Amino acid sequence: MGAALALAQRGVGQTHPNPPVGCVIVHGRDVVGRGWTQPGGRPHAEAMALDQAGKKSKDATAYVTLEPCAHQSQRGPACADSLITAGLARVVIAAGDPDPRTNGAGIARLQAAGITVTTGIRAAEARTIMAGFLSRLERGRPHITLKLAVSLDGSIAMADGASRWITGPRARAHAHLERARADMILIGRGTLAADAPSLDVRLPGLTARSPQPALLSHTSEAGYAHIPSLAALASADAGSVLAEGGAGLAASLLAADLVDRLLLYRAPILLAGQPALKDIGLASLAAAHGRWQPGAILDLTPDRLETYTRIR
């Protein structure tokens, strides 16, 4: 399953509206097929792995990070049916698929065909990889990550507005990797006016994975998906959104409780400049506690990245 999860990571930011899924097929002690959801959502991971395995799929075990789909599509057959036709003996699944077109039907179909099914293997990791897809189904909106680059005293710019660069090259490169894993990158009107950021991915080999730039503003702008309000984020054509705006956008998203993940790039400098946030609507100090689960801390010398997940 670890190998299947690693394969699923390859599709993050590339498969919307389908989830990024990984699949490994093992016959005896040999890996005979590997697959992951391809850009645009097809072929599915199972189809790719089955095609690679060929006749070696018979009596084999498939490890897949999401319950195989049970619905027919104009773009391809149901993966549960494909696994049955290939003669798999066992299917190991990380997480169930909440899509109402599948939601247990894939597992039931496999079992009805005599295939042994094991579920719940490293499910939390699979759900993290598919956060955008799952947020769409479970919350009716994209999964939103807020990225902030701050000084030790929480400033995002000098008092005069200068902000290039708060963090060093390693932290900025990591931020570009996060861009490559998002469907959409969101800024506000103030950031557009002040910085006119390119919002692309400038890492060797990943330049083609630049997300769709989007602007949260009452008025549209050429080259940007128009998000007229926070409420309109629910209908944005994206599973995962990376917000990179200034203090106003960050505060608005936090006040509306729309931030699911926080990336805090912290530089070892003191600025006494412009704060990272405006008012986020907290009624009391007590209301600030219990909201954020600390995650990984990454050394990006001289900076560091702190990751937090919203507790829901």
Protein backbone atom coordinates (compact mmCIF):
# COMPACT_ATOMS: atom_id res chain seq x y z
CA MET A 1 0.00 0.00 0.00
CA GLY A 2 2.91 2.33 0.63
CA ALA A 3 3.92 2.01 -3.02
CA ALA A 4 0.34 2.68 -4.13
CA LEU A 5 0.20 5.81 -1.97
CA ALA A 6 3.48 7.03 -3.48
CA LEU A 7 2.06 6.52 -6.97
CA ALA A 8 -1.10 8.42 -6.02
CA GLN A 9 1.04 11.42 -5.07
CA ARG A 10 2.08 11.75 -8.73
CA GLY A 11 -1.44 12.78 -9.67
CA VAL A 12 -2.05 15.42 -7.00
CA GLY A 13 -3.10 18.66 -8.68
CA GLN A 14 -3.53 16.97 -12.07
CA THR A 15 -6.65 14.81 -11.92
CA HIS A 16 -9.58 17.12 -11.04
CA PRO A 17 -12.47 16.36 -10.98
CA ASN A 18 -11.31 12.78 -10.34
CA PRO A 19 -9.26 11.81 -7.27
CA PRO A 20 -5.52 11.04 -7.47
CA VAL A 21 -5.38 7.28 -6.92
CA GLY A 22 -2.52 4.78 -6.94
CA CYS A 23 -2.66 1.06 -7.70
CA VAL A 24 -0.11 -1.75 -7.43
CA ILE A 25 -0.79 -5.31 -8.62
CA VAL A 26 1.25 -8.13 -7.07
CA HIS A 27 1.40 -11.72 -8.31
CA GLY A 28 3.22 -13.98 -5.88
CA ARG A 29 6.24 -11.93 -4.83
CA ASP A 30 6.41 -9.90 -8.04
CA VAL A 31 4.96 -6.47 -8.74
CA VAL A 32 3.39 -6.93 -12.17
CA GLY A 33 1.46 -3.68 -12.56
CA ARG A 34 1.65 -0.07 -11.39
CA GLY A 35 -0.72 2.76 -12.12
CA TRP A 36 -1.87 6.19 -11.02
CA THR A 37 -4.68 8.47 -12.18
CA GLN A 38 -3.53 10.29 -15.28
CA PRO A 39 -3.88 14.05 -15.97
CA GLY A 40 -7.49 15.01 -16.52
CA GLY A 41 -8.70 12.00 -14.53
CA ARG A 42 -8.33 9.16 -17.05
CA PRO A 43 -7.16 6.47 -17.33
CA HIS A 44 -7.84 5.50 -13.75
CA ALA A 45 -5.04 3.97 -11.68
CA GLU A 46 -6.54 0.48 -11.86
CA ALA A 47 -6.86 0.61 -15.65
CA MET A 48 -3.22 1.63 -16.03
CA ALA A 49 -1.99 -1.08 -13.66
CA LEU A 50 -4.15 -3.78 -15.26
CA ASP A 51 -2.93 -2.83 -18.72
CA GLN A 52 0.67 -3.18 -17.53
CA ALA A 53 0.04 -6.48 -15.74
CA GLY A 54 -1.86 -8.13 -18.59
CA LYS A 55 -2.52 -11.84 -18.03
CA LYS A 56 -0.47 -11.75 -14.82
CA SER A 57 -3.46 -10.08 -13.14
CA LYS A 58 -5.22 -13.46 -12.82
CA ASP A 59 -5.16 -14.63 -9.18
CA ALA A 60 -3.11 -11.55 -8.22
CA THR A 61 -3.64 -8.99 -5.44
CA ALA A 62 -4.34 -5.35 -6.20
CA TYR A 63 -3.49 -2.62 -3.70
CA VAL A 64 -5.50 0.53 -4.44
CA THR A 65 -5.75 3.76 -2.45
CA LEU A 66 -9.48 4.31 -3.13
CA GLU A 67 -12.41 1.95 -3.49
CA PRO A 68 -12.66 0.99 -7.19
CA CYS A 69 -15.43 2.89 -8.92
CA ALA A 70 -18.70 1.09 -9.62
CA HIS A 71 -20.25 3.44 -12.19
CA GLN A 72 -19.96 3.33 -15.95
CA SER A 73 -18.60 6.38 -17.76
CA GLN A 74 -18.31 7.49 -21.36
CA ARG A 75 -14.58 7.74 -20.67
CA GLY A 76 -14.12 4.16 -19.53
CA PRO A 77 -15.55 1.11 -17.73
CA ALA A 78 -16.07 0.80 -13.99
CA CYS A 79 -12.82 -0.20 -12.30
CA ALA A 80 -14.59 -2.78 -10.11
CA ASP A 81 -15.76 -4.54 -13.28
CA SER A 82 -12.29 -4.38 -14.82
CA LEU A 83 -10.73 -5.99 -11.75
CA ILE A 84 -13.34 -8.75 -11.82
CA THR A 85 -12.81 -9.41 -15.54
CA ALA A 86 -9.03 -9.59 -15.01
CA GLY A 87 -9.48 -12.40 -12.47
CA LEU A 88 -8.01 -10.76 -9.37
CA ALA A 89 -8.05 -12.93 -6.27
CA ARG A 90 -7.79 -10.14 -3.69
CA VAL A 91 -8.15 -6.37 -3.54
CA VAL A 92 -6.72 -4.31 -0.67
CA ILE A 93 -8.26 -0.84 -0.35
CA ALA A 94 -7.08 2.13 1.68
CA ALA A 95 -10.20 4.32 1.78
CA GLY A 96 -13.84 4.02 0.77
CA ASP A 97 -15.23 6.25 -1.97
CA PRO A 98 -17.98 8.61 -0.71
CA ASP A 99 -19.08 9.37 -4.28
CA PRO A 100 -22.77 8.29 -4.22
CA ARG A 101 -22.24 6.49 -7.54
CA THR A 102 -19.84 4.10 -5.76
CA ASN A 103 -19.93 4.47 -1.93
CA GLY A 104 -19.60 0.79 -1.05
CA ALA A 105 -20.98 -0.53 -4.32
CA GLY A 106 -17.49 -1.13 -5.67
CA ILE A 107 -16.55 -3.26 -2.68
CA ALA A 108 -19.86 -5.13 -2.79
CA ARG A 109 -19.42 -5.91 -6.47
CA LEU A 110 -15.92 -7.29 -5.91
CA GLN A 111 -17.10 -9.45 -3.03
CA ALA A 112 -20.09 -10.74 -5.00
CA ALA A 113 -17.64 -11.92 -7.67
CA GLY A 114 -15.73 -13.96 -5.07
CA ILE A 115 -12.82 -11.56 -4.65
CA THR A 116 -11.42 -11.18 -1.13
CA VAL A 117 -11.54 -7.52 -0.08
CA THR A 118 -9.56 -5.89 2.74
CA THR A 119 -10.27 -2.23 3.59
CA GLY A 120 -8.96 0.55 5.81
CA ILE A 121 -5.24 0.04 5.19
CA ARG A 122 -3.49 3.42 5.69
CA ALA A 123 -6.79 5.17 5.06
CA ALA A 124 -5.77 8.45 6.72
CA GLU A 125 -2.81 8.84 4.38
CA ALA A 126 -4.98 8.12 1.36
CA ARG A 127 -7.55 10.70 2.48
CA THR A 128 -4.85 13.33 2.87
CA ILE A 129 -3.69 12.75 -0.71
CA MET A 130 -7.28 13.00 -1.96
CA ALA A 131 -8.19 16.00 0.21
CA GLY A 132 -9.47 18.08 -2.69
CA PHE A 133 -11.72 15.35 -4.09
CA LEU A 134 -13.09 14.48 -0.65
CA SER A 135 -13.72 18.11 0.30
CA ARG A 136 -15.79 18.54 -2.84
CA LEU A 137 -17.97 15.56 -1.90
CA GLU A 138 -18.15 16.05 1.86
CA ARG A 139 -18.18 19.86 2.22
CA GLY A 140 -19.32 20.99 -1.22
CA ARG A 141 -16.26 23.17 -1.76
CA PRO A 142 -12.56 22.90 -2.56
CA HIS A 143 -9.94 22.04 0.02
CA ILE A 144 -8.23 25.33 0.83
CA THR A 145 -4.61 25.75 1.88
CA LEU A 146 -3.43 29.14 3.14
CA LYS A 147 0.24 29.91 2.63
CA LEU A 148 1.93 32.62 4.69
CA ALA A 149 5.59 33.65 4.62
CA VAL A 150 6.35 35.58 7.80
CA SER A 151 9.15 36.96 9.93
CA LEU A 152 9.67 35.83 13.52
CA ASP A 153 7.42 38.66 14.69
CA GLY A 154 4.64 37.72 12.26
CA SER A 155 5.21 40.37 9.60
CA ILE A 156 4.62 39.69 5.90
CA ALA A 157 6.26 42.92 4.70
CA MET A 158 8.24 45.93 5.80
CA ALA A 159 6.28 48.91 7.05
CA ASP A 160 6.60 50.44 3.57
CA GLY A 161 5.18 47.28 1.95
CA ALA A 162 8.43 45.74 0.67
CA SER A 163 8.12 41.95 0.83
CA ARG A 164 10.61 40.42 -1.62
CA TRP A 165 11.93 38.31 -0.19
CA ILE A 166 10.84 37.32 3.32
CA THR A 167 12.10 33.75 2.92
CA GLY A 168 15.10 32.24 1.18
CA PRO A 169 15.46 30.17 -1.99
CA ARG A 170 14.74 26.77 -0.39
CA ALA A 171 11.48 27.95 1.14
CA ARG A 172 10.42 29.61 -2.11
CA ALA A 173 11.21 26.43 -4.05
CA HIS A 174 9.05 24.43 -1.63
CA ALA A 175 6.22 26.92 -2.10
CA HIS A 176 6.46 26.30 -5.85
CA LEU A 177 6.15 22.58 -5.18
CA GLU A 178 2.94 23.31 -3.29
CA ARG A 179 1.72 25.30 -6.29
CA ALA A 180 2.35 22.28 -8.50
CA ARG A 181 0.08 20.20 -6.25
CA ALA A 182 -2.88 22.63 -6.42
CA ASP A 183 -5.64 22.96 -8.99
CA MET A 184 -6.01 26.70 -8.43
CA ILE A 185 -4.00 29.51 -6.83
CA LEU A 186 -5.93 32.38 -5.30
CA ILE A 187 -4.97 36.00 -4.61
CA GLY A 188 -6.87 39.17 -3.79
CA ARG A 189 -7.09 42.49 -5.58
CA GLY A 190 -4.56 44.10 -3.22
CA THR A 191 -1.86 41.53 -3.99
CA LEU A 192 -2.49 41.86 -7.72
CA ALA A 193 -2.11 45.63 -7.54
CA ALA A 194 0.96 45.57 -5.30
CA ASP A 195 2.96 42.68 -6.72
CA ALA A 196 1.40 41.51 -10.02
CA PRO A 197 2.63 37.97 -9.18
CA SER A 198 3.08 35.43 -11.97
CA LEU A 199 1.65 32.58 -9.82
CA ASP A 200 3.30 29.92 -11.97
CA VAL A 201 5.55 26.97 -11.09
CA ARG A 202 9.21 27.66 -11.81
CA LEU A 203 10.77 24.35 -10.79
CA PRO A 204 12.69 22.37 -13.43
CA GLY A 205 10.50 19.64 -14.85
CA LEU A 206 7.31 20.98 -13.24
CA THR A 207 6.66 24.17 -15.19
CA ALA A 208 3.73 22.51 -16.99
CA ARG A 209 1.99 21.98 -13.66
CA SER A 210 1.22 25.62 -12.95
CA PRO A 211 -2.26 25.90 -11.40
CA GLN A 212 -5.10 28.06 -12.67
CA PRO A 213 -4.63 31.60 -11.28
CA ALA A 214 -7.76 33.03 -9.65
CA LEU A 215 -8.68 36.46 -8.32
CA LEU A 216 -11.04 37.12 -5.42
CA SER A 217 -12.51 40.46 -6.43
CA HIS A 218 -15.81 42.11 -7.33
CA THR A 219 -14.38 42.77 -10.80
CA SER A 220 -12.71 40.31 -13.17
CA GLU A 221 -9.21 40.45 -14.61
CA ALA A 222 -7.88 38.96 -17.86
CA GLY A 223 -6.00 35.72 -17.30
CA TYR A 224 -7.60 34.98 -13.92
CA ALA A 225 -10.56 32.84 -12.96
CA HIS A 226 -13.02 35.28 -11.41
CA ILE A 227 -14.10 34.52 -7.85
CA PRO A 228 -16.50 37.39 -6.99
CA SER A 229 -16.99 36.40 -3.35
CA LEU A 230 -15.99 33.84 -0.74
CA ALA A 231 -19.32 32.12 -1.29
CA ALA A 232 -18.42 31.68 -4.95
CA LEU A 233 -15.42 29.55 -3.96
CA ALA A 234 -17.83 26.63 -3.59
CA SER A 235 -18.43 26.63 -7.33
CA ALA A 236 -14.79 27.16 -8.35
CA ASP A 237 -13.59 24.60 -10.88
CA ALA A 238 -11.02 23.10 -8.51
CA GLY A 239 -10.61 20.41 -5.90
CA SER A 240 -7.69 22.09 -4.15
CA VAL A 241 -7.01 25.81 -3.82
CA LEU A 242 -3.77 27.41 -2.63
CA ALA A 243 -4.33 30.92 -1.26
CA GLU A 244 -1.29 33.20 -1.51
CA GLY A 245 -2.77 36.62 -0.98
CA GLY A 246 -2.01 39.25 1.62
CA ALA A 247 -3.35 39.94 5.09
CA GLY A 248 -6.82 40.84 3.87
CA LEU A 249 -7.43 37.64 1.91
CA ALA A 250 -5.92 35.51 4.67
CA ALA A 251 -8.11 37.14 7.32
CA SER A 252 -11.25 36.79 5.19
CA LEU A 253 -10.67 33.08 4.62
CA LEU A 254 -9.93 32.45 8.30
CA ALA A 255 -12.88 34.50 9.50
CA ALA A 256 -15.16 32.46 7.24
CA ASP A 257 -13.54 29.24 8.54
CA LEU A 258 -12.62 28.16 5.01
CA VAL A 259 -8.97 27.29 5.65
CA ASP A 260 -8.35 23.56 5.94
CA ARG A 261 -4.56 23.61 5.98
CA LEU A 262 -2.05 26.27 6.94
CA LEU A 263 1.50 26.50 5.60
CA LEU A 264 3.59 28.87 7.72
CA TYR A 265 6.99 29.62 6.21
CA ARG A 266 8.92 31.33 8.99
CA ALA A 267 12.11 33.30 8.31
CA PRO A 268 14.66 34.07 11.08
CA ILE A 269 14.29 37.83 10.73
CA LEU A 270 12.53 40.62 12.65
CA LEU A 271 10.71 43.34 10.70
CA ALA A 272 8.20 45.14 12.94
CA GLY A 273 6.34 45.62 9.67
CA GLN A 274 2.92 44.82 8.25
CA PRO A 275 1.17 42.01 10.18
CA ALA A 276 0.23 38.74 8.48
CA LEU A 277 -3.44 39.02 9.43
CA LYS A 278 -6.21 41.53 9.84
CA ASP A 279 -9.20 40.90 12.13
CA ILE A 280 -10.35 37.27 11.86
CA GLY A 281 -13.45 37.70 14.01
CA LEU A 282 -12.39 35.93 17.20
CA ALA A 283 -14.79 36.70 20.04
CA SER A 284 -12.32 35.73 22.79
CA LEU A 285 -8.87 34.28 23.40
CA ALA A 286 -10.50 31.00 24.38
CA ALA A 287 -12.08 30.78 20.91
CA ALA A 288 -8.61 30.69 19.35
CA HIS A 289 -7.66 27.44 21.06
CA GLY A 290 -8.42 23.95 19.81
CA ARG A 291 -8.64 24.94 16.14
CA TRP A 292 -5.32 23.84 14.67
CA GLN A 293 -3.53 20.49 14.78
CA PRO A 294 0.25 20.86 14.41
CA GLY A 295 1.76 18.71 11.67
CA ALA A 296 5.14 18.35 10.04
CA ILE A 297 7.95 20.83 10.58
CA LEU A 298 10.38 21.02 7.68
CA ASP A 299 13.89 22.45 7.85
CA LEU A 300 14.39 24.78 4.89
CA THR A 301 17.52 26.44 6.25
CA PRO A 302 17.63 29.29 6.98
CA ASP A 303 13.85 29.11 7.17
CA ARG A 304 11.42 26.50 8.39
CA LEU A 305 7.96 25.38 7.39
CA GLU A 306 5.27 24.64 9.98
CA THR A 307 2.15 22.79 8.81
CA TYR A 308 -1.20 22.94 10.58
CA THR A 309 -4.53 21.23 9.85
CA ARG A 310 -7.90 22.63 10.84
CA ILE A 311 -9.57 20.50 13.49
CA ARG A 312 -13.16 19.80 12.43
